[in-house]
Amino acid sequence: MKKVVLSCLVALGFGLSFQAQAVDAEKAQALAQAKNCLACHKIDIKIVGPSYKQVAEKYKGDASAVDSLAKKVIKGTSGTWGNIPMPPNPVTADEAKLLVQWILSL
Protein backbone atom coordinates (compact mmCIF):
# COMPACT_ATOMS: atom_id res chain seq x y z
CA MET A 1 0.00 0.00 0.00
CA LYS A 2 2.83 2.39 0.90
CA LYS A 3 4.44 1.93 -2.52
CA VAL A 4 1.14 2.60 -4.26
CA VAL A 5 0.60 5.83 -2.33
CA LEU A 6 4.17 6.98 -2.98
CA SER A 7 3.87 6.16 -6.66
CA CYS A 8 0.68 8.18 -6.89
CA LEU A 9 2.32 11.16 -5.19
CA VAL A 10 5.29 10.98 -7.53
CA ALA A 11 2.95 10.81 -10.51
CA LEU A 12 1.23 13.94 -9.25
CA GLY A 13 4.56 15.74 -9.09
CA PHE A 14 4.97 16.10 -5.34
CA GLY A 15 8.54 16.42 -4.04
CA LEU A 16 9.33 13.41 -1.89
CA SER A 17 12.25 12.33 0.24
CA PHE A 18 14.86 9.71 -0.66
CA GLN A 19 12.52 6.91 0.42
CA ALA A 20 10.30 7.46 -2.62
CA GLN A 21 13.15 7.35 -5.10
CA ALA A 22 13.44 4.18 -7.12
CA VAL A 23 16.41 2.12 -6.00
CA ASP A 24 18.02 -0.49 -8.21
CA ALA A 25 17.98 -3.23 -5.54
CA GLU A 26 19.76 -5.77 -7.73
CA LYS A 27 22.61 -3.36 -8.47
CA ALA A 28 22.84 -2.32 -4.81
CA GLN A 29 22.91 -5.92 -3.57
CA ALA A 30 25.63 -6.81 -6.08
CA LEU A 31 27.62 -3.78 -4.93
CA ALA A 32 27.19 -4.79 -1.26
CA GLN A 33 28.50 -8.24 -2.15
CA ALA A 34 31.42 -6.90 -4.19
CA LYS A 35 32.48 -4.43 -1.49
CA ASN A 36 32.26 -7.13 1.21
CA CYS A 37 29.50 -5.31 3.17
CA LEU A 38 27.67 -8.60 3.64
CA ALA A 39 30.51 -10.01 5.73
CA CYS A 40 29.28 -7.88 8.64
CA HIS A 41 25.69 -7.01 7.68
CA LYS A 42 22.68 -9.04 6.54
CA ILE A 43 19.28 -7.77 5.50
CA ASP A 44 17.34 -9.05 8.50
CA ILE A 45 19.90 -10.59 10.86
CA LYS A 46 22.37 -8.78 13.11
CA ILE A 47 25.86 -10.17 12.63
CA VAL A 48 28.87 -7.98 13.46
CA GLY A 49 26.96 -4.84 12.56
CA PRO A 50 23.23 -4.17 12.64
CA SER A 51 20.92 -5.72 10.10
CA TYR A 52 20.00 -3.47 7.22
CA LYS A 53 16.38 -3.54 8.37
CA GLN A 54 17.48 -2.25 11.80
CA VAL A 55 19.29 0.62 10.09
CA ALA A 56 16.23 1.38 7.95
CA GLU A 57 14.00 1.44 11.03
CA LYS A 58 16.35 3.66 13.02
CA TYR A 59 16.60 6.28 10.27
CA LYS A 60 13.00 6.06 9.03
CA GLY A 61 11.73 9.55 8.24
CA ASP A 62 15.14 11.21 8.60
CA ALA A 63 15.53 13.38 5.50
CA SER A 64 19.27 13.79 6.08
CA ALA A 65 19.94 10.06 6.49
CA VAL A 66 21.19 9.33 2.96
CA ASP A 67 23.94 11.94 3.10
CA SER A 68 24.95 11.32 6.71
CA LEU A 69 25.00 7.53 6.37
CA ALA A 70 26.85 7.66 3.03
CA LYS A 71 29.60 9.64 4.78
CA LYS A 72 29.73 6.99 7.53
CA VAL A 73 30.02 4.23 4.93
CA ILE A 74 32.95 6.02 3.29
CA LYS A 75 34.79 7.21 6.41
CA GLY A 76 33.79 4.50 8.88
CA THR A 77 32.21 5.05 12.26
CA SER A 78 32.07 3.77 15.81
CA GLY A 79 29.72 3.98 18.76
CA THR A 80 26.43 4.22 16.86
CA TRP A 81 25.57 0.53 17.22
CA GLY A 82 27.92 -0.50 20.03
CA ASN A 83 31.64 -0.85 20.58
CA ILE A 84 32.59 -2.56 17.33
CA PRO A 85 33.68 0.06 14.77
CA MET A 86 32.76 -0.03 11.10
CA PRO A 87 35.94 0.56 9.10
CA PRO A 88 36.12 2.95 6.14
CA ASN A 89 34.89 1.33 2.94
CA PRO A 90 36.44 1.60 -0.54
CA VAL A 91 33.37 3.05 -2.25
CA THR A 92 32.73 6.21 -4.21
CA ALA A 93 30.23 8.79 -2.98
CA ASP A 94 27.71 7.58 -5.58
CA GLU A 95 28.19 3.94 -4.57
CA ALA A 96 27.74 4.83 -0.90
CA LYS A 97 24.52 6.70 -1.67
CA LEU A 98 23.19 3.78 -3.72
CA LEU A 99 23.92 1.38 -0.86
CA VAL A 100 22.30 3.66 1.71
CA GLN A 101 19.22 4.32 -0.43
CA TRP A 102 18.77 0.58 -0.87
CA ILE A 103 19.21 -0.10 2.85
CA LEU A 104 16.72 2.61 3.77
CA SER A 105 14.20 1.21 1.29
CA LEU A 106 14.04 -2.11 3.12
C-alpha atoms as a PDB file:
ATOM      1  CA  MET A   1       0.000   0.000   0.000  1.00  0.00           C
ATOM      2  CA  LYS A   2       2.834   2.387   0.898  1.00  0.00           C
ATOM      3  CA  LYS A   3       4.442   1.928  -2.517  1.00  0.00           C
ATOM      4  CA  VAL A   4       1.137   2.602  -4.260  1.00  0.00           C
ATOM      5  CA  VAL A   5       0.601   5.835  -2.333  1.00  0.00           C
ATOM      6  CA  LEU A   6       4.174   6.979  -2.977  1.00  0.00           C
ATOM      7  CA  SER A   7       3.875   6.155  -6.662  1.00  0.00           C
ATOM      8  CA  CYS A   8       0.681   8.184  -6.892  1.00  0.00           C
ATOM      9  CA  LEU A   9       2.318  11.156  -5.190  1.00  0.00           C
ATOM     10  CA  VAL A  10       5.291  10.975  -7.529  1.00  0.00           C
ATOM     11  CA  ALA A  11       2.953  10.815 -10.512  1.00  0.00           C
ATOM     12  CA  LEU A  12       1.231  13.936  -9.245  1.00  0.00           C
ATOM     13  CA  GLY A  13       4.563  15.739  -9.089  1.00  0.00           C
ATOM     14  CA  PHE A  14       4.967  16.100  -5.339  1.00  0.00           C
ATOM     15  CA  GLY A  15       8.536  16.422  -4.035  1.00  0.00           C
ATOM     16  CA  LEU A  16       9.333  13.412  -1.893  1.00  0.00           C
ATOM     17  CA  SER A  17      12.246  12.329   0.240  1.00  0.00           C
ATOM     18  CA  PHE A  18      14.861   9.707  -0.657  1.00  0.00           C
ATOM     19  CA  GLN A  19      12.515   6.907   0.419  1.00  0.00           C
ATOM     20  CA  ALA A  20      10.299   7.464  -2.618  1.00  0.00           C
ATOM     21  CA  GLN A  21      13.152   7.346  -5.103  1.00  0.00           C
ATOM     22  CA  ALA A  22      13.443   4.183  -7.121  1.00  0.00           C
ATOM     23  CA  VAL A  23      16.407   2.125  -6.000  1.00  0.00           C
ATOM     24  CA  ASP A  24      18.025  -0.491  -8.207  1.00  0.00           C
ATOM     25  CA  ALA A  25      17.981  -3.226  -5.544  1.00  0.00           C
ATOM     26  CA  GLU A  26      19.763  -5.768  -7.733  1.00  0.00           C
ATOM     27  CA  LYS A  27      22.610  -3.359  -8.471  1.00  0.00           C
ATOM     28  CA  ALA A  28      22.840  -2.321  -4.806  1.00  0.00           C
ATOM     29  CA  GLN A  29      22.913  -5.921  -3.566  1.00  0.00           C
ATOM     30  CA  ALA A  30      25.626  -6.805  -6.077  1.00  0.00           C
ATOM     31  CA  LEU A  31      27.621  -3.783  -4.926  1.00  0.00           C
ATOM     32  CA  ALA A  32      27.190  -4.787  -1.255  1.00  0.00           C
ATOM     33  CA  GLN A  33      28.498  -8.242  -2.146  1.00  0.00           C
ATOM     34  CA  ALA A  34      31.419  -6.900  -4.194  1.00  0.00           C
ATOM     35  CA  LYS A  35      32.479  -4.432  -1.488  1.00  0.00           C
ATOM     36  CA  ASN A  36      32.256  -7.130   1.215  1.00  0.00           C
ATOM     37  CA  CYS A  37      29.501  -5.312   3.171  1.00  0.00           C
ATOM     38  CA  LEU A  38      27.674  -8.602   3.635  1.00  0.00           C
ATOM     39  CA  ALA A  39      30.512 -10.008   5.732  1.00  0.00           C
ATOM     40  CA  CYS A  40      29.282  -7.885   8.640  1.00  0.00           C
ATOM     41  CA  HIS A  41      25.686  -7.011   7.676  1.00  0.00           C
ATOM     42  CA  LYS A  42      22.684  -9.042   6.540  1.00  0.00           C
ATOM     43  CA  ILE A  43      19.278  -7.768   5.500  1.00  0.00           C
ATOM     44  CA  ASP A  44      17.338  -9.045   8.495  1.00  0.00           C
ATOM     45  CA  ILE A  45      19.896 -10.591  10.865  1.00  0.00           C
ATOM     46  CA  LYS A  46      22.372  -8.780  13.109  1.00  0.00           C
ATOM     47  CA  ILE A  47      25.862 -10.169  12.630  1.00  0.00           C
ATOM     48  CA  VAL A  48      28.871  -7.984  13.463  1.00  0.00           C
ATOM     49  CA  GLY A  49      26.960  -4.837  12.562  1.00  0.00           C
ATOM     50  CA  PRO A  50      23.229  -4.175  12.644  1.00  0.00           C
ATOM     51  CA  SER A  51      20.915  -5.725  10.095  1.00  0.00           C
ATOM     52  CA  TYR A  52      19.998  -3.466   7.219  1.00  0.00           C
ATOM     53  CA  LYS A  53      16.379  -3.544   8.371  1.00  0.00           C
ATOM     54  CA  GLN A  54      17.477  -2.250  11.804  1.00  0.00           C
ATOM     55  CA  VAL A  55      19.286   0.616  10.090  1.00  0.00           C
ATOM     56  CA  ALA A  56      16.231   1.384   7.952  1.00  0.00           C
ATOM     57  CA  GLU A  57      14.003   1.443  11.028  1.00  0.00           C
ATOM     58  CA  LYS A  58      16.354   3.665  13.024  1.00  0.00           C
ATOM     59  CA  TYR A  59      16.600   6.283  10.268  1.00  0.00           C
ATOM     60  CA  LYS A  60      12.997   6.064   9.031  1.00  0.00           C
ATOM     61  CA  GLY A  61      11.727   9.552   8.242  1.00  0.00           C
ATOM     62  CA  ASP A  62      15.144  11.208   8.604  1.00  0.00           C
ATOM     63  CA  ALA A  63      15.529  13.381   5.502  1.00  0.00           C
ATOM     64  CA  SER A  64      19.267  13.787   6.085  1.00  0.00           C
ATOM     65  CA  ALA A  65      19.945  10.055   6.486  1.00  0.00           C
ATOM     66  CA  VAL A  66      21.194   9.330   2.956  1.00  0.00           C
ATOM     67  CA  ASP A  67      23.944  11.942   3.099  1.00  0.00           C
ATOM     68  CA  SER A  68      24.952  11.317   6.714  1.00  0.00           C
ATOM     69  CA  LEU A  69      25.003   7.532   6.367  1.00  0.00           C
ATOM     70  CA  ALA A  70      26.850   7.659   3.034  1.00  0.00           C
ATOM     71  CA  LYS A  71      29.599   9.636   4.783  1.00  0.00           C
ATOM     72  CA  LYS A  72      29.728   6.985   7.531  1.00  0.00           C
ATOM     73  CA  VAL A  73      30.022   4.230   4.930  1.00  0.00           C
ATOM     74  CA  ILE A  74      32.953   6.021   3.285  1.00  0.00           C
ATOM     75  CA  LYS A  75      34.791   7.211   6.412  1.00  0.00           C
ATOM     76  CA  GLY A  76      33.794   4.502   8.880  1.00  0.00           C
ATOM     77  CA  THR A  77      32.213   5.054  12.262  1.00  0.00           C
ATOM     78  CA  SER A  78      32.068   3.767  15.812  1.00  0.00           C
ATOM     79  CA  GLY A  79      29.722   3.981  18.764  1.00  0.00           C
ATOM     80  CA  THR A  80      26.433   4.224  16.865  1.00  0.00           C
ATOM     81  CA  TRP A  81      25.570   0.535  17.225  1.00  0.00           C
ATOM     82  CA  GLY A  82      27.923  -0.497  20.028  1.00  0.00           C
ATOM     83  CA  ASN A  83      31.637  -0.851  20.577  1.00  0.00           C
ATOM     84  CA  ILE A  84      32.589  -2.559  17.325  1.00  0.00           C
ATOM     85  CA  PRO A  85      33.677   0.060  14.770  1.00  0.00           C
ATOM     86  CA  MET A  86      32.762  -0.027  11.103  1.00  0.00           C
ATOM     87  CA  PRO A  87      35.938   0.560   9.101  1.00  0.00           C
ATOM     88  CA  PRO A  88      36.116   2.950   6.140  1.00  0.00           C
ATOM     89  CA  ASN A  89      34.886   1.332   2.939  1.00  0.00           C
ATOM     90  CA  PRO A  90      36.436   1.605  -0.539  1.00  0.00           C
ATOM     91  CA  VAL A  91      33.365   3.048  -2.250  1.00  0.00           C
ATOM     92  CA  THR A  92      32.731   6.211  -4.213  1.00  0.00           C
ATOM     93  CA  ALA A  93      30.230   8.795  -2.982  1.00  0.00           C
ATOM     94  CA  ASP A  94      27.710   7.581  -5.583  1.00  0.00           C
ATOM     95  CA  GLU A  95      28.191   3.942  -4.571  1.00  0.00           C
ATOM     96  CA  ALA A  96      27.745   4.827  -0.900  1.00  0.00           C
ATOM     97  CA  LYS A  97      24.517   6.698  -1.672  1.00  0.00           C
ATOM     98  CA  LEU A  98      23.195   3.777  -3.722  1.00  0.00           C
ATOM     99  CA  LEU A  99      23.921   1.379  -0.864  1.00  0.00           C
ATOM    100  CA  VAL A 100      22.302   3.659   1.708  1.00  0.00           C
ATOM    101  CA  GLN A 101      19.218   4.317  -0.435  1.00  0.00           C
ATOM    102  CA  TRP A 102      18.766   0.581  -0.867  1.00  0.00           C
ATOM    103  CA  ILE A 103      19.213  -0.099   2.849  1.00  0.00           C
ATOM    104  CA  LEU A 104      16.720   2.611   3.772  1.00  0.00           C
ATOM    105  CA  SER A 105      14.203   1.208   1.285  1.00  0.00           C
ATOM    106  CA  LEU A 106      14.041  -2.113   3.121  1.00  0.00           C
END
